[in-house]
Amino acid sequence: MTKNKRKQKQKSTKEKTYSIKQFRKDYPDEDSCLEKLFQVQYGKLGACPKCGVINVEFKRISTRRCYQCGECGYQLHPTAGTVFEKTRTPLTYWFYAIYLYTVTRNGVAAKELQRQLDVTYKTAWRMADQIRKIMVSTEKAKLKGLVIMDETFIGGLNKNRHKNKKKDGTAGKTMTMVFGMLDENGHIVSKVFEQGPSAALLKPIIREHIHPDTIVVTDGGNAYQGLHKEFKEHQIIEHRNDEYVNEEGYTTNPLENHWSSLKRMIKGTHIHVGVKHLPKYIAESIFRYENRNQPEKMFEFILKKLV
């Protein structure tokens, strides 16, 4: 590697990092956090909404979370109508919690927020839940090009359950199934089912989210049979024959790697996630995967959505 290439590589790596040093420089206190919310809420006001004076200066009121027009005294409250409106938790705590969610690989447990922020568990859980809700993906365009599809199962083994909670059946009946589709641009669509895979269950979801002019890659499961009739091409990876890359070079490994990260997040960070809240944790994992190379933009996105 030449010296110039090495410098370019170092520069690109540095641009992807939003360090704690930079974060503390950007948001050292309550005033800087409130100023950021003011900019997000109102941007550069051309004129006062009440008196209409152009380029008027809004001054910070030190005793309240608001700004006041220098001409008529009209006040703007940056936290009004947001999750910050009635919170007694310092804005610096909220900003730091958002920062943690954008730089971690395996998520942040509410108990971890409780320890780091020295707040009650109820407060920490609410903060975590509000941030996680923002990560739920918005409506995406149909996936196309090359799309990998695969399912995984979340939940404990039936043999480890208490005798009063044991379930009859295979993993598809005793665990929660998560079905996902990953396109060549790194976008993921997922769906949670409380039953095993079947063509009747999966094919409507596949048709809804995938463009017909697409190469689809799946394992040899029965639920995927017949996709070659509906899409440009159907590449099958026969896992039952210990095949992980077929003769044409296609594989489902990228999506399976994501499932591994999801399970590490749940098992290592959260220990247990109920079926009711599972979609939010999956959305968090997907959001982090899709934005993994731009942590600072992740921070901005979450902050704007909270506001």
C-alpha atoms as a PDB file:
ATOM      1  CA  MET A   1       0.000   0.000   0.000  1.00  0.00           C
ATOM      2  CA  THR A   2       1.413   3.392  -1.027  1.00  0.00           C
ATOM      3  CA  LYS A   3       1.719   6.325   1.371  1.00  0.00           C
ATOM      4  CA  ASN A   4      -1.081   8.283  -0.359  1.00  0.00           C
ATOM      5  CA  LYS A   5      -3.452   5.326  -0.282  1.00  0.00           C
ATOM      6  CA  ARG A   6      -2.656   4.756   3.372  1.00  0.00           C
ATOM      7  CA  LYS A   7      -3.511   8.393   4.147  1.00  0.00           C
ATOM      8  CA  GLN A   8      -6.776   8.124   2.192  1.00  0.00           C
ATOM      9  CA  LYS A   9      -7.714   4.976   4.089  1.00  0.00           C
ATOM     10  CA  GLN A  10      -6.939   6.619   7.431  1.00  0.00           C
ATOM     11  CA  LYS A  11      -8.968   9.667   6.431  1.00  0.00           C
ATOM     12  CA  SER A  12     -12.006   7.608   5.381  1.00  0.00           C
ATOM     13  CA  THR A  13     -11.859   5.651   8.641  1.00  0.00           C
ATOM     14  CA  LYS A  14     -11.669   8.854  10.661  1.00  0.00           C
ATOM     15  CA  GLU A  15     -14.708  10.307   8.871  1.00  0.00           C
ATOM     16  CA  LYS A  16     -16.809   7.326   9.959  1.00  0.00           C
ATOM     17  CA  THR A  17     -16.052   7.878  13.642  1.00  0.00           C
ATOM     18  CA  TYR A  18     -18.078  10.074  16.001  1.00  0.00           C
ATOM     19  CA  SER A  19     -15.870   9.973  19.076  1.00  0.00           C
ATOM     20  CA  ILE A  20     -16.850  10.772  22.652  1.00  0.00           C
ATOM     21  CA  LYS A  21     -14.355  13.634  22.482  1.00  0.00           C
ATOM     22  CA  GLN A  22     -16.219  15.196  19.565  1.00  0.00           C
ATOM     23  CA  PHE A  23     -19.593  14.548  21.189  1.00  0.00           C
ATOM     24  CA  ARG A  24     -18.555  16.295  24.423  1.00  0.00           C
ATOM     25  CA  LYS A  25     -17.220  19.189  22.407  1.00  0.00           C
ATOM     26  CA  ASP A  26     -20.525  19.537  20.549  1.00  0.00           C
ATOM     27  CA  TYR A  27     -22.818  19.152  23.586  1.00  0.00           C
ATOM     28  CA  PRO A  28     -20.978  20.052  26.812  1.00  0.00           C
ATOM     29  CA  ASP A  29     -23.987  21.422  28.746  1.00  0.00           C
ATOM     30  CA  GLU A  30     -27.747  22.043  28.815  1.00  0.00           C
ATOM     31  CA  ASP A  31     -27.497  25.292  26.845  1.00  0.00           C
ATOM     32  CA  SER A  32     -25.712  23.649  23.910  1.00  0.00           C
ATOM     33  CA  CYS A  33     -28.305  20.849  23.841  1.00  0.00           C
ATOM     34  CA  LEU A  34     -31.198  23.326  23.911  1.00  0.00           C
ATOM     35  CA  GLU A  35     -29.544  25.383  21.178  1.00  0.00           C
ATOM     36  CA  LYS A  36     -29.360  22.254  19.026  1.00  0.00           C
ATOM     37  CA  LEU A  37     -33.061  21.576  19.591  1.00  0.00           C
ATOM     38  CA  PHE A  38     -33.838  25.185  18.689  1.00  0.00           C
ATOM     39  CA  GLN A  39     -31.938  24.812  15.412  1.00  0.00           C
ATOM     40  CA  VAL A  40     -33.670  21.510  14.639  1.00  0.00           C
ATOM     41  CA  GLN A  41     -37.130  22.906  15.468  1.00  0.00           C
ATOM     42  CA  TYR A  42     -36.919  26.314  13.848  1.00  0.00           C
ATOM     43  CA  GLY A  43     -33.713  26.497  11.850  1.00  0.00           C
ATOM     44  CA  LYS A  44     -32.872  30.003  10.758  1.00  0.00           C
ATOM     45  CA  LEU A  45     -36.029  32.036  11.283  1.00  0.00           C
ATOM     46  CA  GLY A  46     -36.459  34.666   8.597  1.00  0.00           C
ATOM     47  CA  ALA A  47     -38.785  36.686  10.824  1.00  0.00           C
ATOM     48  CA  CYS A  48     -40.509  36.566  14.193  1.00  0.00           C
ATOM     49  CA  PRO A  49     -43.777  34.557  13.905  1.00  0.00           C
ATOM     50  CA  LYS A  50     -45.615  37.244  15.900  1.00  0.00           C
ATOM     51  CA  CYS A  51     -44.231  40.716  15.120  1.00  0.00           C
ATOM     52  CA  GLY A  52     -42.780  39.836  11.707  1.00  0.00           C
ATOM     53  CA  VAL A  53     -39.482  41.651  12.237  1.00  0.00           C
ATOM     54  CA  ILE A  54     -36.930  40.208   9.806  1.00  0.00           C
ATOM     55  CA  ASN A  55     -33.628  38.756  11.058  1.00  0.00           C
ATOM     56  CA  VAL A  56     -34.609  39.409  14.661  1.00  0.00           C
ATOM     57  CA  GLU A  57     -32.440  37.829  17.344  1.00  0.00           C
ATOM     58  CA  PHE A  58     -34.017  35.304  19.695  1.00  0.00           C
ATOM     59  CA  LYS A  59     -32.318  35.459  23.072  1.00  0.00           C
ATOM     60  CA  ARG A  60     -32.033  32.557  25.471  1.00  0.00           C
ATOM     61  CA  ILE A  61     -34.081  32.857  28.704  1.00  0.00           C
ATOM     62  CA  SER A  62     -31.805  31.435  31.384  1.00  0.00           C
ATOM     63  CA  THR A  63     -34.585  30.456  33.818  1.00  0.00           C
ATOM     64  CA  ARG A  64     -36.636  28.420  31.314  1.00  0.00           C
ATOM     65  CA  ARG A  65     -36.106  26.236  28.269  1.00  0.00           C
ATOM     66  CA  CYS A  66     -37.136  28.940  25.813  1.00  0.00           C
ATOM     67  CA  TYR A  67     -35.960  31.762  23.529  1.00  0.00           C
ATOM     68  CA  GLN A  68     -37.465  35.258  23.365  1.00  0.00           C
ATOM     69  CA  CYS A  69     -37.826  37.667  20.464  1.00  0.00           C
ATOM     70  CA  GLY A  70     -35.647  40.732  20.992  1.00  0.00           C
ATOM     71  CA  GLU A  71     -38.377  43.029  19.606  1.00  0.00           C
ATOM     72  CA  CYS A  72     -41.782  41.914  20.915  1.00  0.00           C
ATOM     73  CA  GLY A  73     -40.873  39.387  23.616  1.00  0.00           C
ATOM     74  CA  TYR A  74     -42.606  36.460  21.842  1.00  0.00           C
ATOM     75  CA  GLN A  75     -41.244  33.170  23.191  1.00  0.00           C
ATOM     76  CA  LEU A  76     -40.380  29.930  21.409  1.00  0.00           C
ATOM     77  CA  HIS A  77     -39.991  26.662  23.317  1.00  0.00           C
ATOM     78  CA  PRO A  78     -37.749  24.157  21.439  1.00  0.00           C
ATOM     79  CA  THR A  79     -38.926  21.225  23.591  1.00  0.00           C
ATOM     80  CA  ALA A  80     -42.652  21.906  23.076  1.00  0.00           C
ATOM     81  CA  GLY A  81     -44.450  19.008  21.417  1.00  0.00           C
ATOM     82  CA  THR A  82     -41.455  16.687  21.746  1.00  0.00           C
ATOM     83  CA  VAL A  83     -40.513  13.859  24.123  1.00  0.00           C
ATOM     84  CA  PHE A  84     -38.415  16.441  25.960  1.00  0.00           C
ATOM     85  CA  GLU A  85     -41.385  18.731  26.767  1.00  0.00           C
ATOM     86  CA  LYS A  86     -42.270  17.534  30.268  1.00  0.00           C
ATOM     87  CA  THR A  87     -39.172  15.543  31.081  1.00  0.00           C
ATOM     88  CA  ARG A  88     -37.239  16.419  34.212  1.00  0.00           C
ATOM     89  CA  THR A  89     -34.286  14.415  32.932  1.00  0.00           C
ATOM     90  CA  PRO A  90     -31.461  16.749  31.828  1.00  0.00           C
ATOM     91  CA  LEU A  91     -31.102  17.171  28.072  1.00  0.00           C
ATOM     92  CA  THR A  92     -27.433  16.198  28.410  1.00  0.00           C
ATOM     93  CA  TYR A  93     -28.604  12.780  29.630  1.00  0.00           C
ATOM     94  CA  TRP A  94     -30.905  12.374  26.647  1.00  0.00           C
ATOM     95  CA  PHE A  95     -28.194  13.396  24.196  1.00  0.00           C
ATOM     96  CA  TYR A  96     -25.677  11.024  25.772  1.00  0.00           C
ATOM     97  CA  ALA A  97     -28.188   8.150  25.624  1.00  0.00           C
ATOM     98  CA  ILE A  98     -28.753   8.831  21.910  1.00  0.00           C
ATOM     99  CA  TYR A  99     -25.003   8.935  21.389  1.00  0.00           C
ATOM    100  CA  LEU A 100     -24.574   5.528  23.058  1.00  0.00           C
ATOM    101  CA  TYR A 101     -27.181   4.010  20.746  1.00  0.00           C
ATOM    102  CA  THR A 102     -25.344   5.258  17.666  1.00  0.00           C
ATOM    103  CA  VAL A 103     -21.848   4.055  18.565  1.00  0.00           C
ATOM    104  CA  THR A 104     -22.553   0.672  20.141  1.00  0.00           C
ATOM    105  CA  ARG A 105     -22.582  -2.536  18.116  1.00  0.00           C
ATOM    106  CA  ASN A 106     -24.855  -4.629  20.293  1.00  0.00           C
ATOM    107  CA  GLY A 107     -27.345  -2.130  21.650  1.00  0.00           C
ATOM    108  CA  VAL A 108     -27.748  -0.557  25.079  1.00  0.00           C
ATOM    109  CA  ALA A 109     -29.735  -2.128  27.900  1.00  0.00           C
ATOM    110  CA  ALA A 110     -31.989   0.045  30.044  1.00  0.00           C
ATOM    111  CA  LYS A 111     -30.052  -1.157  33.088  1.00  0.00           C
ATOM    112  CA  GLU A 112     -26.873   0.165  31.478  1.00  0.00           C
ATOM    113  CA  LEU A 113     -28.486   3.582  30.993  1.00  0.00           C
ATOM    114  CA  GLN A 114     -29.672   3.464  34.595  1.00  0.00           C
ATOM    115  CA  ARG A 115     -26.118   2.842  35.824  1.00  0.00           C
ATOM    116  CA  GLN A 116     -24.425   5.410  33.589  1.00  0.00           C
ATOM    117  CA  LEU A 117     -26.968   8.201  34.031  1.00  0.00           C
ATOM    118  CA  ASP A 118     -27.826   7.469  37.674  1.00  0.00           C
ATOM    119  CA  VAL A 119     -31.571   7.609  37.009  1.00  0.00           C
ATOM    120  CA  THR A 120     -34.400   5.254  37.949  1.00  0.00           C
ATOM    121  CA  TYR A 121     -34.961   2.130  35.881  1.00  0.00           C
ATOM    122  CA  LYS A 122     -38.381   3.462  34.844  1.00  0.00           C
ATOM    123  CA  THR A 123     -36.755   6.602  33.424  1.00  0.00           C
ATOM    124  CA  ALA A 124     -33.985   4.648  31.707  1.00  0.00           C
ATOM    125  CA  TRP A 125     -36.468   2.206  30.129  1.00  0.00           C
ATOM    126  CA  ARG A 126     -38.634   5.051  28.818  1.00  0.00           C
ATOM    127  CA  MET A 127     -35.629   6.791  27.291  1.00  0.00           C
ATOM    128  CA  ALA A 128     -34.472   3.551  25.665  1.00  0.00           C
ATOM    129  CA  ASP A 129     -37.971   2.795  24.369  1.00  0.00           C
ATOM    130  CA  GLN A 130     -38.413   6.276  22.857  1.00  0.00           C
ATOM    131  CA  ILE A 131     -35.050   6.057  21.082  1.00  0.00           C
ATOM    132  CA  ARG A 132     -35.752   2.529  19.854  1.00  0.00           C
ATOM    133  CA  LYS A 133     -39.140   3.515  18.411  1.00  0.00           C
ATOM    134  CA  ILE A 134     -37.394   6.093  16.223  1.00  0.00           C
ATOM    135  CA  MET A 135     -35.260   3.344  14.697  1.00  0.00           C
ATOM    136  CA  VAL A 136     -38.281   1.565  13.242  1.00  0.00           C
ATOM    137  CA  SER A 137     -37.742   1.738   9.503  1.00  0.00           C
ATOM    138  CA  THR A 138     -39.977   3.957   7.436  1.00  0.00           C
ATOM    139  CA  GLU A 139     -41.651   2.640   4.280  1.00  0.00           C
ATOM    140  CA  LYS A 140     -39.008   1.553   1.780  1.00  0.00           C
ATOM    141  CA  ALA A 141     -39.085   1.239  -1.973  1.00  0.00           C
ATOM    142  CA  LYS A 142     -39.309  -2.290  -3.323  1.00  0.00           C
ATOM    143  CA  LEU A 143     -36.095  -4.261  -3.061  1.00  0.00           C
ATOM    144  CA  LYS A 144     -34.528  -5.191  -6.378  1.00  0.00           C
ATOM    145  CA  GLY A 145     -31.305  -6.268  -8.050  1.00  0.00           C
ATOM    146  CA  LEU A 146     -30.111  -9.107  -5.843  1.00  0.00           C
ATOM    147  CA  VAL A 147     -32.158 -10.000  -2.741  1.00  0.00           C
ATOM    148  CA  ILE A 148     -31.220 -12.593  -0.125  1.00  0.00           C
ATOM    149  CA  MET A 149     -34.030 -14.126   1.916  1.00  0.00           C
ATOM    150  CA  ASP A 150     -33.723 -16.186   5.056  1.00  0.00           C
ATOM    151  CA  GLU A 151     -35.466 -16.884   8.335  1.00  0.00           C
ATOM    152  CA  THR A 152     -34.166 -17.387  11.836  1.00  0.00           C
ATOM    153  CA  PHE A 153     -35.678 -18.366  15.157  1.00  0.00           C
ATOM    154  CA  ILE A 154     -35.529 -16.348  18.379  1.00  0.00           C
ATOM    155  CA  GLY A 155     -36.192 -17.788  21.812  1.00  0.00           C
ATOM    156  CA  GLY A 156     -34.977 -20.321  24.315  1.00  0.00           C
ATOM    157  CA  LEU A 157     -34.789 -24.041  23.719  1.00  0.00           C
ATOM    158  CA  ASN A 158     -37.897 -25.951  24.672  1.00  0.00           C
ATOM    159  CA  LYS A 159     -35.885 -28.309  26.878  1.00  0.00           C
ATOM    160  CA  ASN A 160     -34.735 -25.347  28.990  1.00  0.00           C
ATOM    161  CA  ARG A 161     -38.245 -24.086  29.695  1.00  0.00           C
ATOM    162  CA  HIS A 162     -40.028 -24.621  32.981  1.00  0.00           C
ATOM    163  CA  LYS A 163     -42.257 -27.674  32.786  1.00  0.00           C
ATOM    164  CA  ASN A 164     -45.349 -25.452  32.973  1.00  0.00           C
ATOM    165  CA  LYS A 165     -44.172 -23.446  29.939  1.00  0.00           C
ATOM    166  CA  LYS A 166     -43.000 -26.223  27.627  1.00  0.00           C
ATOM    167  CA  LYS A 167     -44.548 -26.246  24.152  1.00  0.00           C
ATOM    168  CA  ASP A 168     -45.273 -29.127  21.809  1.00  0.00           C
ATOM    169  CA  GLY A 169     -43.775 -29.140  18.339  1.00  0.00           C
ATOM    170  CA  THR A 170     -40.664 -28.203  16.385  1.00  0.00           C
ATOM    171  CA  ALA A 171     -38.583 -25.030  16.659  1.00  0.00           C
ATOM    172  CA  GLY A 172     -40.964 -23.295  14.268  1.00  0.00           C
ATOM    173  CA  LYS A 173     -43.773 -23.795  16.798  1.00  0.00           C
ATOM    174  CA  THR A 174     -41.893 -23.324  20.047  1.00  0.00           C
ATOM    175  CA  MET A 175     -39.776 -20.293  19.025  1.00  0.00           C
ATOM    176  CA  THR A 176     -40.514 -16.978  17.296  1.00  0.00           C
ATOM    177  CA  MET A 177     -39.607 -16.820  13.618  1.00  0.00           C
ATOM    178  CA  VAL A 178     -38.035 -13.715  12.092  1.00  0.00           C
ATOM    179  CA  PHE A 179     -38.091 -13.527   8.289  1.00  0.00           C
ATOM    180  CA  GLY A 180     -35.816 -11.079   6.494  1.00  0.00           C
ATOM    181  CA  MET A 181     -34.891  -9.836   3.025  1.00  0.00           C
ATOM    182  CA  LEU A 182     -31.563  -8.107   2.296  1.00  0.00           C
ATOM    183  CA  ASP A 183     -30.847  -6.374  -1.014  1.00  0.00           C
ATOM    184  CA  GLU A 184     -27.511  -5.573  -2.640  1.00  0.00           C
ATOM    185  CA  ASN A 185     -27.609  -1.983  -1.319  1.00  0.00           C
ATOM    186  CA  GLY A 186     -27.717  -3.166   2.297  1.00  0.00           C
ATOM    187  CA  HIS A 187     -31.427  -2.482   2.946  1.00  0.00           C
ATOM    188  CA  ILE A 188     -33.294  -5.010   5.098  1.00  0.00           C
ATOM    189  CA  VAL A 189     -36.999  -5.689   5.481  1.00  0.00           C
ATOM    190  CA  SER A 190     -38.094  -8.025   8.268  1.00  0.00           C
ATOM    191  CA  LYS A 191     -41.255  -9.550   9.661  1.00  0.00           C
ATOM    192  CA  VAL A 192     -41.953 -11.418  12.899  1.00  0.00           C
ATOM    193  CA  PHE A 193     -44.149 -14.528  12.923  1.00  0.00           C
ATOM    194  CA  GLU A 194     -45.196 -16.751  15.786  1.00  0.00           C
ATOM    195  CA  GLN A 195     -45.213 -19.835  13.561  1.00  0.00           C
ATOM    196  CA  GLY A 196     -42.839 -21.677  11.266  1.00  0.00           C
ATOM    197  CA  PRO A 197     -42.152 -20.820   7.599  1.00  0.00           C
ATOM    198  CA  SER A 198     -44.645 -21.731   4.891  1.00  0.00           C
ATOM    199  CA  ALA A 199     -45.305 -20.579   1.342  1.00  0.00           C
ATOM    200  CA  ALA A 200     -48.717 -19.202   2.338  1.00  0.00           C
ATOM    201  CA  LEU A 201     -47.071 -17.134   5.076  1.00  0.00           C
ATOM    202  CA  LEU A 202     -43.976 -15.815   3.299  1.00  0.00           C
ATOM    203  CA  LYS A 203     -44.898 -15.381  -0.364  1.00  0.00           C
ATOM    204  CA  PRO A 204     -47.345 -12.468   0.173  1.00  0.00           C
ATOM    205  CA  ILE A 205     -44.606 -10.613   2.088  1.00  0.00           C
ATOM    206  CA  ILE A 206     -42.074 -11.405  -0.646  1.00  0.00           C
ATOM    207  CA  ARG A 207     -44.383 -10.150  -3.407  1.00  0.00           C
ATOM    208  CA  GLU A 208     -45.143  -6.977  -1.450  1.00  0.00           C
ATOM    209  CA  HIS A 209     -41.519  -5.941  -0.934  1.00  0.00           C
ATOM    210  CA  ILE A 210     -39.562  -7.320  -3.901  1.00  0.00           C
ATOM    211  CA  HIS A 211     -39.607  -6.086  -7.489  1.00  0.00           C
ATOM    212  CA  PRO A 212     -40.321  -8.869 -10.054  1.00  0.00           C
ATOM    213  CA  ASP A 213     -37.114  -8.073 -11.991  1.00  0.00           C
ATOM    214  CA  THR A 214     -34.957  -9.426  -9.171  1.00  0.00           C
ATOM    215  CA  ILE A 215     -32.556 -12.286  -8.530  1.00  0.00           C
ATOM    216  CA  VAL A 216     -33.634 -13.929  -5.275  1.00  0.00           C
ATOM    217  CA  VAL A 217     -31.321 -16.114  -3.217  1.00  0.00           C
ATOM    218  CA  THR A 218     -32.704 -18.536  -0.623  1.00  0.00           C
ATOM    219  CA  ASP A 219     -31.968 -21.838   1.035  1.00  0.00           C
ATOM    220  CA  GLY A 220     -33.761 -24.987  -0.105  1.00  0.00           C
ATOM    221  CA  GLY A 221     -36.765 -24.586   2.198  1.00  0.00           C
ATOM    222  CA  ASN A 222     -40.172 -25.651   0.900  1.00  0.00           C
ATOM    223  CA  ALA A 223     -41.586 -22.163   1.568  1.00  0.00           C
ATOM    224  CA  TYR A 224     -39.467 -20.781  -1.291  1.00  0.00           C
ATOM    225  CA  GLN A 225     -40.409 -23.305  -3.952  1.00  0.00           C
ATOM    226  CA  GLY A 226     -41.746 -21.776  -7.182  1.00  0.00           C
ATOM    227  CA  LEU A 227     -40.151 -18.325  -6.815  1.00  0.00           C
ATOM    228  CA  HIS A 228     -38.440 -18.766 -10.197  1.00  0.00           C
ATOM    229  CA  LYS A 229     -41.865 -18.324 -11.797  1.00  0.00           C
ATOM    230  CA  GLU A 230     -42.416 -14.918 -10.181  1.00  0.00           C
ATOM    231  CA  PHE A 231     -38.954 -13.355 -10.266  1.00  0.00           C
ATOM    232  CA  LYS A 232     -36.108 -12.938 -12.731  1.00  0.00           C
ATOM    233  CA  GLU A 233     -34.053 -15.747 -11.220  1.00  0.00           C
ATOM    234  CA  HIS A 234     -34.080 -17.981  -8.142  1.00  0.00           C
ATOM    235  CA  GLN A 235     -30.741 -19.173  -6.781  1.00  0.00           C
ATOM    236  CA  ILE A 236     -30.943 -21.951  -4.171  1.00  0.00           C
ATOM    237  CA  ILE A 237     -28.306 -22.734  -1.540  1.00  0.00           C
ATOM    238  CA  GLU A 238     -28.724 -26.328  -0.333  1.00  0.00           C
ATOM    239  CA  HIS A 239     -27.784 -26.053   3.332  1.00  0.00           C
ATOM    240  CA  ARG A 240     -29.012 -29.586   3.941  1.00  0.00           C
ATOM    241  CA  ASN A 241     -26.154 -30.751   1.702  1.00  0.00           C
ATOM    242  CA  ASP A 242     -23.627 -28.568   3.581  1.00  0.00           C
ATOM    243  CA  GLU A 243     -23.606 -26.077   0.706  1.00  0.00           C
ATOM    244  CA  TYR A 244     -23.067 -22.439   1.690  1.00  0.00           C
ATOM    245  CA  VAL A 245     -21.976 -20.989  -1.667  1.00  0.00           C
ATOM    246  CA  ASN A 246     -23.487 -22.509  -4.808  1.00  0.00           C
ATOM    247  CA  GLU A 247     -21.730 -23.107  -8.125  1.00  0.00           C
ATOM    248  CA  GLU A 248     -22.716 -19.641  -9.408  1.00  0.00           C
ATOM    249  CA  GLY A 249     -21.165 -17.993  -6.341  1.00  0.00           C
ATOM    250  CA  TYR A 250     -24.405 -16.982  -4.587  1.00  0.00           C
ATOM    251  CA  THR A 251     -24.766 -17.246  -0.811  1.00  0.00           C
ATOM    252  CA  THR A 252     -27.126 -16.333   2.033  1.00  0.00           C
ATOM    253  CA  ASN A 253     -24.222 -15.607   4.412  1.00  0.00           C
ATOM    254  CA  PRO A 254     -24.650 -11.778   4.546  1.00  0.00           C
ATOM    255  CA  LEU A 255     -28.167 -12.069   5.982  1.00  0.00           C
ATOM    256  CA  GLU A 256     -27.182 -14.950   8.264  1.00  0.00           C
ATOM    257  CA  ASN A 257     -24.361 -12.774   9.614  1.00  0.00           C
ATOM    258  CA  HIS A 258     -26.932 -10.128  10.460  1.00  0.00           C
ATOM    259  CA  TRP A 259     -29.059 -12.700  12.290  1.00  0.00           C
ATOM    260  CA  SER A 260     -25.972 -13.620  14.317  1.00  0.00           C
ATOM    261  CA  SER A 261     -25.494  -9.967  15.301  1.00  0.00           C
ATOM    262  CA  LEU A 262     -29.168  -9.712  16.261  1.00  0.00           C
ATOM    263  CA  LYS A 263     -28.948 -12.768  18.499  1.00  0.00           C
ATOM    264  CA  ARG A 264     -25.742 -11.519  20.135  1.00  0.00           C
ATOM    265  CA  MET A 265     -27.496  -8.222  20.877  1.00  0.00           C
ATOM    266  CA  ILE A 266     -30.494  -9.951  22.444  1.00  0.00           C
ATOM    267  CA  LYS A 267     -28.594 -12.615  24.358  1.00  0.00           C
ATOM    268  CA  GLY A 268     -25.549 -10.577  25.339  1.00  0.00           C
ATOM    269  CA  THR A 269     -27.093  -7.163  26.026  1.00  0.00           C
ATOM    270  CA  HIS A 270     -30.769  -7.624  26.788  1.00  0.00           C
ATOM    271  CA  ILE A 271     -30.755 -11.260  28.005  1.00  0.00           C
ATOM    272  CA  HIS A 272     -34.469 -11.630  27.252  1.00  0.00           C
ATOM    273  CA  VAL A 273     -36.879  -9.884  24.884  1.00  0.00           C
ATOM    274  CA  GLY A 274     -40.611 -10.585  24.874  1.00  0.00           C
ATOM    275  CA  VAL A 275     -42.468 -11.260  21.617  1.00  0.00           C
ATOM    276  CA  LYS A 276     -44.460  -8.032  22.069  1.00  0.00           C
ATOM    277  CA  HIS A 277     -41.331  -5.849  21.945  1.00  0.00           C
ATOM    278  CA  LEU A 278     -39.227  -8.032  19.606  1.00  0.00           C
ATOM    279  CA  PRO A 279     -40.049  -6.052  16.406  1.00  0.00           C
ATOM    280  CA  LYS A 280     -38.570  -2.876  17.961  1.00  0.00           C
ATOM    281  CA  TYR A 281     -35.315  -4.633  18.842  1.00  0.00           C
ATOM    282  CA  ILE A 282     -35.101  -6.083  15.326  1.00  0.00           C
ATOM    283  CA  ALA A 283     -35.738  -2.614  13.864  1.00  0.00           C
ATOM    284  CA  GLU A 284     -32.942  -1.244  16.053  1.00  0.00           C
ATOM    285  CA  SER A 285     -30.550  -3.896  14.752  1.00  0.00           C
ATOM    286  CA  ILE A 286     -31.534  -3.176  11.149  1.00  0.00           C
ATOM    287  CA  PHE A 287     -31.224   0.591  11.611  1.00  0.00           C
ATOM    288  CA  ARG A 288     -27.745   0.195  13.041  1.00  0.00           C
ATOM    289  CA  TYR A 289     -26.742  -2.168  10.205  1.00  0.00           C
ATOM    290  CA  GLU A 290     -28.012   0.125   7.464  1.00  0.00           C
ATOM    291  CA  ASN A 291     -26.278   3.186   8.965  1.00  0.00           C
ATOM    292  CA  ARG A 292     -23.173   1.493  10.379  1.00  0.00           C
ATOM    293  CA  ASN A 293     -20.753   3.698   8.421  1.00  0.00           C
ATOM    294  CA  GLN A 294     -22.248   7.041   9.464  1.00  0.00           C
ATOM    295  CA  PRO A 295     -22.672   7.266  13.269  1.00  0.00           C
ATOM    296  CA  GLU A 296     -22.888  11.072  13.313  1.00  0.00           C
ATOM    297  CA  LYS A 297     -25.739  11.003  10.801  1.00  0.00           C
ATOM    298  CA  MET A 298     -27.431   8.358  12.936  1.00  0.00           C
ATOM    299  CA  PHE A 299     -27.277  10.752  15.882  1.00  0.00           C
ATOM    300  CA  GLU A 300     -28.753  13.601  13.835  1.00  0.00           C
ATOM    301  CA  PHE A 301     -31.507  11.375  12.441  1.00  0.00           C
ATOM    302  CA  ILE A 302     -32.638  10.100  15.849  1.00  0.00           C
ATOM    303  CA  LEU A 303     -32.545  13.588  17.367  1.00  0.00           C
ATOM    304  CA  LYS A 304     -34.643  15.081  14.580  1.00  0.00           C
ATOM    305  CA  LYS A 305     -37.189  12.279  14.810  1.00  0.00           C
ATOM    306  CA  LEU A 306     -37.481  12.695  18.581  1.00  0.00           C
ATOM    307  CA  VAL A 307     -38.143  16.379  18.026  1.00  0.00           C
END
